[in-house]
Amino acid sequence: MGFYDITGRLGLISNLLQIVENNKIANAYLFVGPEGMGKKTIGFFFANALLCGFESKKPCGNCVGCKQFASGNHPDMKVIKPQKTSIGIEEIRSIQKELIIRPYQSDRKLILIEDAHLMTFQAQNALLKSLEEPPPFVVFMLLSQRLQGLLPTVLSRLKAFRLEPLSKNEIAAIIVRRTDSPPEKAELFAALSEGNPGKGLKLAVSSEFTLQREAVSGLLRNISADFSELLGYESLFTNNKDNIESIFDFLNLWFRDYLVFKETKDVNLIINIDMVDLFVTHAEALQVEDALYMIELIEKSKKMIKGNANFHMVVENVLFEIFGRFKHGGYRSTV
C-alpha cells in the first residue's frame, strides 16, 4: 500500500483489503464521489490488490503482476474511458467480446470504467446484460462522479462505496507531501478545498488562484480608502472577466467568514485563516446585516452578469456597495 498516496481512507482501504483477503469478491463495484475525491486512486489500488500475485499483504508492488499493473500493461485488465464527452455502446461491446476469454495469468479479469456517469443509456443497457450474468472470473469496477445518470437497474448490480470529504488536517497533510507548500499555506488551501483533496492540490499549485485571491485581499485591506481609489480595483474584475465567479466567490467567502467570526469568535471555523486580522479591523465598521446584504448582492450580481447585464455597471455597483457598507454602514443602493 506504500506506493499509493492514500490519506484519510483507512476504513475503506481496510474494508477492501479484507474483501481480497477473504476472497469474497463481488462481480461489480462502484466508487462514487466528486472529481478530486480520490476515486481513481482507490479504484486502482483495489484493482492492483485483486491482480497481485503475492499470497499476502496485497498489493505487494514487487511481483510480476504488480509491476505490469504499475506500467499500465497488465494483460488481465481493461480500462474504458470516455471518447470525448461520453462512453458509447461500441466501447461496451468491445469489452463484451473479451469476457468469455479466461484470464491470461491472474485468477480474475478486471474491466474498469472511468467516468461511468458519462455512459449513454444504450451503453448502460448493453453493460447491464454483462452485469446480470458475468463469467465468474470477471470483475467490473466503475468510477463515477455521481449516481445521477446511472440507470437504477445498473446500480442494483453494483456494490457501491461512496468517498466522503476528508478533514482539513488530512488534506493539508496531502498538500504538504505532494507540493512545496509550507504547512501554513497548506492549511489555507485545505480549508478552501471543501473536503476535496484534488481541489486542495489544484489550488496549491495554481498561480492564477493565488494572484486572484491576493488581489481580493488587497481590495478588502484598502476598503477604507477614498471611493475614487477603490474604483481602481475595477481592473481586478475586468481583467478576470472570464473568471468573474471566482472573484465574487472569494468576496462572498470572506463575508461568510466574517459572519461566522462575528457570531462565534472561533477561528477554527474560518476558511480564510490568513485574513483573520481583517475581521478585527472591520469589526466595528461592518455590521452583521451589512455582511448579509453583501452576500445577497454578490450572488445577485453573478446572476445578472450571466444574464448579460452591463458588466461595468454591475461591478461598479458592487464596489460602491462595499465602500458604503464599510464607510457608512446601512447604505443601500437603489440599483
Protein backbone atom coordinates (compact mmCIF):
# COMPACT_ATOMS: atom_id res chain seq x y z
CA MET A 1 0.00 0.00 0.00
CA GLY A 2 3.00 2.27 0.48
CA PHE A 3 3.27 3.23 -3.20
CA TYR A 4 -0.27 4.64 -3.20
CA ASP A 5 -0.77 8.14 -1.81
CA ILE A 6 -3.82 7.33 0.31
CA THR A 7 -4.73 9.55 3.25
CA GLY A 8 -7.93 9.59 5.27
CA ARG A 9 -9.34 6.42 3.71
CA LEU A 10 -8.07 3.82 6.17
CA GLY A 11 -11.54 2.46 6.90
CA LEU A 12 -12.32 1.98 3.21
CA ILE A 13 -8.88 0.54 2.48
CA SER A 14 -9.22 -1.91 5.37
CA ASN A 15 -12.62 -2.99 4.03
CA LEU A 16 -11.27 -3.54 0.52
CA LEU A 17 -8.24 -5.49 1.72
CA GLN A 18 -10.49 -7.69 3.83
CA ILE A 19 -12.57 -8.44 0.75
CA VAL A 20 -9.40 -9.54 -1.07
CA GLU A 21 -8.03 -11.49 1.89
CA ASN A 22 -11.29 -13.37 2.48
CA ASN A 23 -11.73 -13.94 -1.27
CA LYS A 24 -15.32 -12.70 -1.04
CA ILE A 25 -15.18 -10.72 -4.25
CA ALA A 26 -18.32 -9.47 -5.96
CA ASN A 27 -18.65 -9.22 -9.71
CA ALA A 28 -19.15 -5.45 -9.83
CA TYR A 29 -18.11 -2.43 -7.74
CA LEU A 30 -18.78 1.29 -7.88
CA PHE A 31 -16.62 4.05 -6.38
CA VAL A 32 -18.56 7.30 -6.39
CA GLY A 33 -17.69 10.85 -5.40
CA PRO A 34 -16.99 14.30 -6.90
CA GLU A 35 -13.94 14.93 -9.06
CA GLY A 36 -10.80 15.08 -6.95
CA MET A 37 -12.02 12.82 -4.13
CA GLY A 38 -9.60 10.00 -4.99
CA LYS A 39 -11.87 7.52 -6.78
CA LYS A 40 -9.22 6.59 -9.31
CA THR A 41 -6.54 6.13 -6.66
CA ILE A 42 -8.80 3.91 -4.57
CA GLY A 43 -10.15 2.01 -7.57
CA PHE A 44 -6.70 1.32 -8.96
CA PHE A 45 -5.45 0.30 -5.51
CA PHE A 46 -8.27 -2.24 -5.25
CA ALA A 47 -7.71 -3.46 -8.82
CA ASN A 48 -4.00 -3.85 -8.13
CA ALA A 49 -4.74 -5.85 -4.97
CA LEU A 50 -7.06 -8.15 -6.93
CA LEU A 51 -4.41 -8.81 -9.59
CA CYS A 52 -1.42 -9.08 -7.23
CA GLY A 53 0.29 -12.50 -7.40
CA PHE A 54 1.64 -12.37 -3.85
CA GLU A 55 -0.06 -14.55 -1.24
CA SER A 56 -0.46 -11.87 1.44
CA LYS A 57 -0.18 -8.12 2.04
CA LYS A 58 -1.60 -7.27 -1.36
CA PRO A 59 -0.76 -5.31 -3.41
CA CYS A 60 2.91 -6.14 -2.84
CA GLY A 61 4.31 -3.89 -5.56
CA ASN A 62 7.08 -6.36 -6.40
CA CYS A 63 5.52 -9.34 -8.15
CA VAL A 64 5.23 -9.60 -11.92
CA GLY A 65 1.54 -8.70 -11.81
CA CYS A 66 2.13 -5.55 -9.71
CA LYS A 67 4.93 -4.40 -11.98
CA GLN A 68 2.75 -4.95 -15.05
CA PHE A 69 -0.07 -3.08 -13.34
CA ALA A 70 2.21 -0.16 -12.47
CA SER A 71 3.33 0.11 -16.09
CA GLY A 72 -0.27 0.01 -17.32
CA ASN A 73 0.31 -3.24 -19.22
CA HIS A 74 -1.38 -5.92 -17.15
CA PRO A 75 -2.87 -8.45 -19.61
CA ASP A 76 -5.92 -9.11 -17.44
CA MET A 77 -7.11 -5.52 -17.02
CA LYS A 78 -9.06 -3.44 -19.49
CA VAL A 79 -9.72 0.29 -18.89
CA ILE A 80 -12.60 2.05 -20.61
CA LYS A 81 -12.51 5.87 -20.82
CA PRO A 82 -14.89 8.40 -22.36
CA GLN A 83 -14.38 9.17 -26.03
CA LYS A 84 -14.66 12.96 -25.96
CA THR A 85 -17.79 13.52 -23.85
CA SER A 86 -19.37 10.08 -23.46
CA ILE A 87 -18.92 6.33 -23.35
CA GLY A 88 -20.93 4.80 -26.16
CA ILE A 89 -22.34 1.37 -26.84
CA GLU A 90 -19.41 0.46 -29.09
CA GLU A 91 -16.96 0.80 -26.20
CA ILE A 92 -19.06 -1.57 -24.11
CA ARG A 93 -19.46 -4.05 -26.95
CA SER A 94 -15.70 -4.08 -27.43
CA ILE A 95 -15.18 -5.48 -23.93
CA GLN A 96 -18.06 -7.95 -24.15
CA LYS A 97 -16.15 -9.87 -26.79
CA GLU A 98 -13.32 -10.42 -24.30
CA LEU A 99 -15.44 -11.54 -21.34
CA ILE A 100 -15.64 -15.17 -22.39
CA ILE A 101 -11.83 -15.42 -22.61
CA ARG A 102 -10.31 -16.61 -19.37
CA PRO A 103 -7.61 -14.51 -17.62
CA TYR A 104 -4.13 -14.81 -19.05
CA GLN A 105 -2.13 -15.00 -15.81
CA SER A 106 -4.37 -13.96 -12.88
CA ASP A 107 -7.39 -15.53 -11.26
CA ARG A 108 -9.55 -12.65 -12.48
CA LYS A 109 -10.11 -10.34 -15.39
CA LEU A 110 -10.83 -6.70 -14.48
CA ILE A 111 -12.92 -4.27 -16.51
CA LEU A 112 -12.52 -0.73 -15.12
CA ILE A 113 -14.80 2.02 -16.46
CA GLU A 114 -13.73 5.59 -15.70
CA ASP A 115 -16.33 8.39 -15.56
CA ALA A 116 -19.10 5.80 -15.70
CA HIS A 117 -21.73 8.55 -15.34
CA LEU A 118 -20.88 9.51 -18.94
CA MET A 119 -22.14 6.20 -20.34
CA THR A 120 -25.07 6.64 -22.69
CA PHE A 121 -28.28 4.82 -21.79
CA GLN A 122 -27.65 2.46 -24.71
CA ALA A 123 -24.18 1.70 -23.34
CA GLN A 124 -25.59 1.10 -19.87
CA ASN A 125 -28.23 -1.27 -21.19
CA ALA A 126 -25.53 -3.18 -23.04
CA LEU A 127 -23.41 -3.30 -19.88
CA LEU A 128 -26.42 -4.50 -17.86
CA LYS A 129 -26.52 -7.72 -19.86
CA SER A 130 -22.94 -8.46 -18.79
CA LEU A 131 -23.60 -7.46 -15.18
CA GLU A 132 -26.58 -9.80 -14.94
CA GLU A 133 -24.69 -12.94 -15.98
CA PRO A 134 -20.94 -12.27 -15.79
CA PRO A 135 -18.39 -15.06 -16.05
CA PRO A 136 -17.22 -15.98 -12.52
CA PHE A 137 -13.70 -14.68 -13.14
CA VAL A 138 -14.76 -11.18 -14.35
CA VAL A 139 -14.85 -8.16 -12.00
CA PHE A 140 -16.33 -4.86 -13.17
CA MET A 141 -15.17 -1.68 -11.47
CA LEU A 142 -16.94 1.63 -12.18
CA LEU A 143 -15.71 5.09 -11.17
CA SER A 144 -18.36 7.80 -11.20
CA GLN A 145 -18.68 11.40 -10.06
CA ARG A 146 -22.35 10.93 -9.22
CA LEU A 147 -25.16 8.40 -9.03
CA GLN A 148 -27.44 10.56 -11.17
CA GLY A 149 -27.35 9.41 -14.76
CA LEU A 150 -26.70 5.76 -13.89
CA LEU A 151 -29.70 3.54 -14.51
CA PRO A 152 -31.31 2.04 -11.38
CA THR A 153 -31.04 -1.40 -12.98
CA VAL A 154 -27.26 -0.89 -13.32
CA LEU A 155 -26.88 0.48 -9.78
CA SER A 156 -28.71 -2.51 -8.36
CA ARG A 157 -25.95 -4.77 -9.69
CA LEU A 158 -23.09 -2.80 -8.12
CA LYS A 159 -21.57 -2.85 -4.66
CA ALA A 160 -21.10 0.88 -4.06
CA PHE A 161 -18.52 2.74 -2.00
CA ARG A 162 -19.09 6.48 -1.57
CA LEU A 163 -15.99 8.63 -0.99
CA GLU A 164 -16.77 11.17 1.71
CA PRO A 165 -14.97 14.54 2.18
CA LEU A 166 -11.68 14.47 4.09
CA SER A 167 -10.87 16.61 7.11
CA LYS A 168 -8.88 19.83 6.79
CA ASN A 169 -5.88 18.24 8.54
CA GLU A 170 -5.92 15.22 6.23
CA ILE A 171 -5.97 17.39 3.12
CA ALA A 172 -3.26 19.68 4.50
CA ALA A 173 -1.04 16.62 5.02
CA ILE A 174 -1.60 15.57 1.39
CA ILE A 175 -0.78 19.06 0.12
CA VAL A 176 2.45 19.25 2.15
CA ARG A 177 3.50 15.84 0.86
CA ARG A 178 2.62 16.46 -2.78
CA THR A 179 3.63 20.11 -3.23
CA ASP A 180 6.22 22.57 -1.96
CA SER A 181 3.60 24.47 0.08
CA PRO A 182 4.64 25.31 3.65
CA PRO A 183 2.32 23.96 6.40
CA GLU A 184 0.55 27.29 7.00
CA LYS A 185 -0.28 27.65 3.28
CA ALA A 186 -1.31 24.00 3.09
CA GLU A 187 -3.79 24.62 5.91
CA LEU A 188 -5.27 27.52 3.97
CA PHE A 189 -5.66 25.53 0.75
CA ALA A 190 -7.12 22.65 2.75
CA ALA A 191 -9.68 24.98 4.32
CA LEU A 192 -10.65 26.25 0.86
CA SER A 193 -10.91 22.74 -0.59
CA GLU A 194 -14.30 21.92 0.97
CA GLY A 195 -13.09 18.44 1.90
CA ASN A 196 -11.90 17.63 -1.62
CA PRO A 197 -8.19 16.68 -1.75
CA GLY A 198 -8.00 17.08 -5.53
CA LYS A 199 -9.35 20.62 -5.28
CA GLY A 200 -6.88 21.42 -2.50
CA LEU A 201 -3.95 20.23 -4.62
CA LYS A 202 -5.12 22.25 -7.63
CA LEU A 203 -5.38 25.39 -5.52
CA ALA A 204 -1.92 24.82 -4.06
CA VAL A 205 -0.23 24.73 -7.48
CA SER A 206 -2.38 27.38 -9.18
CA SER A 207 -0.53 30.67 -9.53
CA GLU A 208 -3.67 32.21 -11.06
CA PHE A 209 -5.72 31.33 -7.98
CA THR A 210 -3.06 32.79 -5.68
CA LEU A 211 -2.86 36.05 -7.65
CA GLN A 212 -6.65 36.45 -7.78
CA ARG A 213 -7.03 35.82 -4.08
CA GLU A 214 -4.20 38.21 -3.20
CA ALA A 215 -5.89 40.89 -5.31
CA VAL A 216 -9.20 40.37 -3.48
CA SER A 217 -7.32 40.52 -0.19
CA GLY A 218 -5.81 43.84 -1.31
CA LEU A 219 -9.28 45.17 -2.05
CA LEU A 220 -10.52 44.22 1.41
CA ARG A 221 -7.44 45.67 3.08
CA ASN A 222 -7.89 49.01 1.32
CA ILE A 223 -11.62 49.22 1.81
CA SER A 224 -11.37 52.36 3.93
CA ALA A 225 -9.68 54.33 1.14
CA ASP A 226 -11.49 57.01 -0.83
CA PHE A 227 -14.06 55.67 -3.26
CA SER A 228 -12.10 57.03 -6.24
CA GLU A 229 -9.14 54.90 -5.12
CA LEU A 230 -11.39 51.91 -4.57
CA LEU A 231 -12.59 52.19 -8.16
CA GLY A 232 -9.02 51.39 -9.16
CA TYR A 233 -9.86 47.81 -8.21
CA GLU A 234 -12.34 47.64 -11.07
CA SER A 235 -9.48 46.25 -13.14
CA LEU A 236 -9.45 43.25 -10.80
CA PHE A 237 -12.89 42.37 -12.13
CA THR A 238 -12.37 43.36 -15.77
CA ASN A 239 -9.03 41.52 -16.02
CA ASN A 240 -10.74 38.41 -14.70
CA LYS A 241 -13.96 38.76 -16.68
CA ASP A 242 -13.81 35.13 -17.81
CA ASN A 243 -13.39 34.00 -14.20
CA ILE A 244 -15.60 36.60 -12.56
CA GLU A 245 -17.42 33.97 -10.49
CA SER A 246 -14.14 33.13 -8.75
CA ILE A 247 -13.61 36.78 -7.78
CA PHE A 248 -17.17 37.06 -6.48
CA ASP A 249 -16.79 33.74 -4.65
CA PHE A 250 -13.62 34.98 -2.92
CA LEU A 251 -15.52 38.05 -1.71
CA ASN A 252 -18.54 36.07 -0.58
CA LEU A 253 -16.37 33.57 1.27
CA TRP A 254 -14.74 36.40 3.19
CA PHE A 255 -18.11 37.89 4.16
CA ARG A 256 -19.27 34.42 5.19
CA ASP A 257 -16.17 34.04 7.38
CA TYR A 258 -16.76 37.49 8.84
CA LEU A 259 -20.28 36.49 9.90
CA VAL A 260 -19.05 33.25 11.47
CA PHE A 261 -16.30 35.07 13.35
CA LYS A 262 -18.65 37.85 14.42
CA GLU A 263 -21.07 35.33 15.92
CA THR A 264 -18.68 32.68 17.34
CA LYS A 265 -15.20 34.26 17.67
CA ASP A 266 -13.95 30.76 16.77
CA VAL A 267 -11.07 30.95 14.26
CA ASN A 268 -11.27 27.18 13.76
CA LEU A 269 -14.47 27.72 11.78
CA ILE A 270 -12.82 30.22 9.44
CA ILE A 271 -11.80 29.28 5.90
CA ASN A 272 -9.73 32.41 5.11
CA ILE A 273 -7.49 31.79 8.08
CA ASP A 274 -4.84 34.23 6.84
CA MET A 275 -7.35 37.12 6.87
CA VAL A 276 -8.49 36.85 10.48
CA ASP A 277 -6.81 40.19 11.24
CA LEU A 278 -9.29 41.86 8.87
CA PHE A 279 -12.22 40.62 10.94
CA VAL A 280 -10.84 42.51 13.91
CA THR A 281 -10.02 45.57 11.79
CA HIS A 282 -13.52 45.78 10.33
CA ALA A 283 -15.43 44.56 13.39
CA GLU A 284 -16.92 47.96 14.22
CA ALA A 285 -17.36 49.26 10.67
CA LEU A 286 -19.24 46.27 9.25
CA GLN A 287 -22.47 45.15 10.87
CA VAL A 288 -23.99 41.68 10.53
CA GLU A 289 -26.84 42.95 8.37
CA ASP A 290 -24.34 44.67 6.06
CA ALA A 291 -22.36 41.45 5.56
CA LEU A 292 -25.59 39.53 4.89
CA TYR A 293 -26.63 42.18 2.38
CA MET A 294 -23.27 41.95 0.56
CA ILE A 295 -23.55 38.16 0.25
CA GLU A 296 -27.01 38.56 -1.24
CA LEU A 297 -25.88 41.34 -3.57
CA ILE A 298 -22.86 39.43 -4.84
CA GLU A 299 -24.96 36.36 -5.61
CA LYS A 300 -27.46 38.60 -7.39
CA SER A 301 -24.61 40.24 -9.34
CA LYS A 302 -23.34 36.85 -10.51
CA LYS A 303 -26.77 36.06 -11.90
CA MET A 304 -27.03 39.49 -13.55
CA ILE A 305 -23.74 39.02 -15.38
CA LYS A 306 -24.84 35.57 -16.53
CA GLY A 307 -27.98 37.28 -17.82
CA ASN A 308 -25.84 39.66 -19.91
CA ALA A 309 -26.32 42.73 -17.71
CA ASN A 310 -23.86 45.60 -18.25
CA PHE A 311 -20.64 44.22 -16.75
CA HIS A 312 -19.10 47.54 -15.73
CA MET A 313 -22.29 48.81 -14.11
CA VAL A 314 -22.64 45.61 -12.06
CA VAL A 315 -19.01 45.75 -10.91
CA GLU A 316 -19.18 49.45 -10.03
CA ASN A 317 -22.34 48.82 -8.05
CA VAL A 318 -20.66 46.03 -6.07
CA LEU A 319 -17.66 48.27 -5.32
CA PHE A 320 -19.94 51.17 -4.39
CA GLU A 321 -21.94 48.94 -2.05
CA ILE A 322 -18.81 47.53 -0.41
CA PHE A 323 -17.50 51.06 0.11
CA GLY A 324 -20.86 52.19 1.53
CA ARG A 325 -21.16 49.24 3.87
CA PHE A 326 -17.71 49.72 5.38
CA LYS A 327 -17.64 53.51 5.30
CA HIS A 328 -21.15 54.43 6.29
CA GLY A 329 -22.99 51.23 7.25
CA GLY A 330 -26.59 50.64 6.30
CA TYR A 331 -26.32 52.28 2.87
CA ARG A 332 -28.40 50.64 0.17
CA SER A 333 -28.25 51.46 -3.50
CA THR A 334 -31.49 51.89 -5.44
CA VAL A 335 -29.94 49.98 -8.39
